[in-house]
Amino acid sequence: WAVDKIAHFGEYAILGAVAVAALTRGRNARSPRALAPAVGIAIVLAAVYGASDEFHQKFVRGRDPGLGDWSADVAGGIAGAAGAVIVLRRTRDQEARPEQRP
């Protein structure tokens, strides 16, 4: 049971992070104005895709949909989107600092 939830979480964390990266590419990706909508869209994408995946499992022999799986999907999407924001902000902060050479 736990391995299944961890797998769902991890897969959707990747989805959330990649979605934020894709939605901010080519824009001022590190600005809060670009990040906020990207994070919202990434979370909705994870939730909707997770729901569609769980619905699909109704029709697959040996599988059944579960609210716990969907919850792990959404939590993973949130964590992945948040992780992408942290990485993008850190790279912004590093680029904003002048280089210090000895």
C-alpha atoms as a PDB file:
ATOM      1  CA  TRP A   1       0.000   0.000   0.000  1.00  0.00           C
ATOM      2  CA  ALA A   2       2.651   2.551   1.003  1.00  0.00           C
ATOM      3  CA  VAL A   3       4.793   1.804  -2.051  1.00  0.00           C
ATOM      4  CA  ASP A   4       1.795   2.489  -4.302  1.00  0.00           C
ATOM      5  CA  LYS A   5       1.125   5.867  -2.679  1.00  0.00           C
ATOM      6  CA  ILE A   6       4.813   6.807  -2.824  1.00  0.00           C
ATOM      7  CA  ALA A   7       4.880   5.893  -6.515  1.00  0.00           C
ATOM      8  CA  HIS A   8       1.786   8.017  -7.192  1.00  0.00           C
ATOM      9  CA  PHE A   9       3.298  10.909  -5.234  1.00  0.00           C
ATOM     10  CA  GLY A  10       6.619  10.687  -7.059  1.00  0.00           C
ATOM     11  CA  GLU A  11       5.132  10.433 -10.529  1.00  0.00           C
ATOM     12  CA  TYR A  12       2.884  13.421 -10.011  1.00  0.00           C
ATOM     13  CA  ALA A  13       5.664  15.422  -8.344  1.00  0.00           C
ATOM     14  CA  ILE A  14       7.575  15.058 -11.588  1.00  0.00           C
ATOM     15  CA  LEU A  15       4.470  16.113 -13.517  1.00  0.00           C
ATOM     16  CA  GLY A  16       4.014  19.205 -11.319  1.00  0.00           C
ATOM     17  CA  ALA A  17       7.656  20.261 -11.639  1.00  0.00           C
ATOM     18  CA  VAL A  18       7.788  19.719 -15.394  1.00  0.00           C
ATOM     19  CA  ALA A  19       4.503  21.581 -15.857  1.00  0.00           C
ATOM     20  CA  VAL A  20       5.805  24.630 -13.970  1.00  0.00           C
ATOM     21  CA  ALA A  21       9.041  24.546 -15.958  1.00  0.00           C
ATOM     22  CA  ALA A  22       7.169  24.259 -19.261  1.00  0.00           C
ATOM     23  CA  LEU A  23       4.648  26.965 -18.426  1.00  0.00           C
ATOM     24  CA  THR A  24       7.339  29.462 -17.458  1.00  0.00           C
ATOM     25  CA  ARG A  25       9.778  28.702 -20.258  1.00  0.00           C
ATOM     26  CA  GLY A  26      10.542  31.649 -22.486  1.00  0.00           C
ATOM     27  CA  ARG A  27       9.060  34.125 -20.031  1.00  0.00           C
ATOM     28  CA  ASN A  28      10.587  35.858 -17.077  1.00  0.00           C
ATOM     29  CA  ALA A  29      10.320  32.470 -15.438  1.00  0.00           C
ATOM     30  CA  ARG A  30      11.524  33.519 -12.054  1.00  0.00           C
ATOM     31  CA  SER A  31       9.153  36.424 -11.489  1.00  0.00           C
ATOM     32  CA  PRO A  32       6.244  35.895  -9.103  1.00  0.00           C
ATOM     33  CA  ARG A  33       3.855  37.065 -11.845  1.00  0.00           C
ATOM     34  CA  ALA A  34       4.971  34.190 -14.067  1.00  0.00           C
ATOM     35  CA  LEU A  35       5.244  31.592 -11.305  1.00  0.00           C
ATOM     36  CA  ALA A  36       1.858  31.996  -9.615  1.00  0.00           C
ATOM     37  CA  PRO A  37      -0.304  31.096 -12.630  1.00  0.00           C
ATOM     38  CA  ALA A  38       2.097  28.326 -13.627  1.00  0.00           C
ATOM     39  CA  VAL A  39       1.847  26.749 -10.175  1.00  0.00           C
ATOM     40  CA  GLY A  40      -1.948  26.965 -10.202  1.00  0.00           C
ATOM     41  CA  ILE A  41      -2.184  25.407 -13.634  1.00  0.00           C
ATOM     42  CA  ALA A  42       0.288  22.661 -12.687  1.00  0.00           C
ATOM     43  CA  ILE A  43      -1.740  21.730  -9.604  1.00  0.00           C
ATOM     44  CA  VAL A  44      -5.028  21.690 -11.535  1.00  0.00           C
ATOM     45  CA  LEU A  45      -3.347  19.628 -14.257  1.00  0.00           C
ATOM     46  CA  ALA A  46      -2.152  17.069 -11.691  1.00  0.00           C
ATOM     47  CA  ALA A  47      -5.590  16.906 -10.069  1.00  0.00           C
ATOM     48  CA  VAL A  48      -7.487  16.509 -13.338  1.00  0.00           C
ATOM     49  CA  TYR A  49      -5.029  14.042 -14.845  1.00  0.00           C
ATOM     50  CA  GLY A  50      -5.015  12.043 -11.613  1.00  0.00           C
ATOM     51  CA  ALA A  51      -8.816  11.965 -11.576  1.00  0.00           C
ATOM     52  CA  SER A  52      -8.925  10.824 -15.187  1.00  0.00           C
ATOM     53  CA  ASP A  53      -6.390   8.099 -14.412  1.00  0.00           C
ATOM     54  CA  GLU A  54      -8.433   6.879 -11.464  1.00  0.00           C
ATOM     55  CA  PHE A  55     -11.606   6.926 -13.592  1.00  0.00           C
ATOM     56  CA  HIS A  56      -9.840   4.922 -16.287  1.00  0.00           C
ATOM     57  CA  GLN A  57      -8.942   2.257 -13.737  1.00  0.00           C
ATOM     58  CA  LYS A  58     -12.645   1.397 -13.386  1.00  0.00           C
ATOM     59  CA  PHE A  59     -12.373  -0.233 -16.794  1.00  0.00           C
ATOM     60  CA  VAL A  60      -9.090  -2.100 -16.290  1.00  0.00           C
ATOM     61  CA  ARG A  61      -9.290  -5.650 -14.976  1.00  0.00           C
ATOM     62  CA  GLY A  62      -7.491  -6.043 -11.659  1.00  0.00           C
ATOM     63  CA  ARG A  63      -7.413  -2.302 -10.965  1.00  0.00           C
ATOM     64  CA  ASP A  64      -9.827  -0.106  -9.105  1.00  0.00           C
ATOM     65  CA  PRO A  65      -9.995   3.640  -8.552  1.00  0.00           C
ATOM     66  CA  GLY A  66      -9.139   5.045  -5.166  1.00  0.00           C
ATOM     67  CA  LEU A  67      -9.445   8.377  -3.409  1.00  0.00           C
ATOM     68  CA  GLY A  68      -6.152   7.646  -1.642  1.00  0.00           C
ATOM     69  CA  ASP A  69      -4.345   7.301  -4.961  1.00  0.00           C
ATOM     70  CA  TRP A  70      -5.867  10.531  -6.245  1.00  0.00           C
ATOM     71  CA  SER A  71      -4.901  12.314  -3.025  1.00  0.00           C
ATOM     72  CA  ALA A  72      -1.316  11.118  -3.441  1.00  0.00           C
ATOM     73  CA  ASP A  73      -1.419  12.355  -7.043  1.00  0.00           C
ATOM     74  CA  VAL A  74      -2.549  15.829  -6.016  1.00  0.00           C
ATOM     75  CA  ALA A  75      -0.096  16.009  -3.111  1.00  0.00           C
ATOM     76  CA  GLY A  76       2.710  15.015  -5.465  1.00  0.00           C
ATOM     77  CA  GLY A  77       1.642  17.661  -7.979  1.00  0.00           C
ATOM     78  CA  ILE A  78       1.696  20.314  -5.261  1.00  0.00           C
ATOM     79  CA  ALA A  79       5.093  19.189  -3.990  1.00  0.00           C
ATOM     80  CA  GLY A  80       6.578  19.089  -7.480  1.00  0.00           C
ATOM     81  CA  ALA A  81       5.262  22.539  -8.348  1.00  0.00           C
ATOM     82  CA  ALA A  82       6.602  23.901  -5.059  1.00  0.00           C
ATOM     83  CA  GLY A  83       9.970  22.267  -5.683  1.00  0.00           C
ATOM     84  CA  ALA A  84      10.152  23.854  -9.125  1.00  0.00           C
ATOM     85  CA  VAL A  85       9.428  27.270  -7.604  1.00  0.00           C
ATOM     86  CA  ILE A  86      12.216  26.800  -5.074  1.00  0.00           C
ATOM     87  CA  VAL A  87      14.692  25.850  -7.786  1.00  0.00           C
ATOM     88  CA  LEU A  88      13.645  28.727 -10.041  1.00  0.00           C
ATOM     89  CA  ARG A  89      13.888  31.246  -7.187  1.00  0.00           C
ATOM     90  CA  ARG A  90      17.313  29.992  -6.144  1.00  0.00           C
ATOM     91  CA  THR A  91      18.619  30.294  -9.676  1.00  0.00           C
ATOM     92  CA  ARG A  92      17.128  33.803  -9.877  1.00  0.00           C
ATOM     93  CA  ASP A  93      18.812  34.774  -6.620  1.00  0.00           C
ATOM     94  CA  GLN A  94      22.144  33.364  -7.776  1.00  0.00           C
ATOM     95  CA  GLU A  95      21.927  35.214 -11.084  1.00  0.00           C
ATOM     96  CA  ALA A  96      21.042  38.464  -9.321  1.00  0.00           C
ATOM     97  CA  ARG A  97      24.122  38.372  -7.089  1.00  0.00           C
ATOM     98  CA  PRO A  98      27.269  39.868  -8.511  1.00  0.00           C
ATOM     99  CA  GLU A  99      30.101  37.424  -8.834  1.00  0.00           C
ATOM    100  CA  GLN A 100      32.566  37.580  -6.005  1.00  0.00           C
ATOM    101  CA  ARG A 101      36.079  36.798  -7.106  1.00  0.00           C
ATOM    102  CA  PRO A 102      38.982  36.613  -4.700  1.00  0.00           C
END
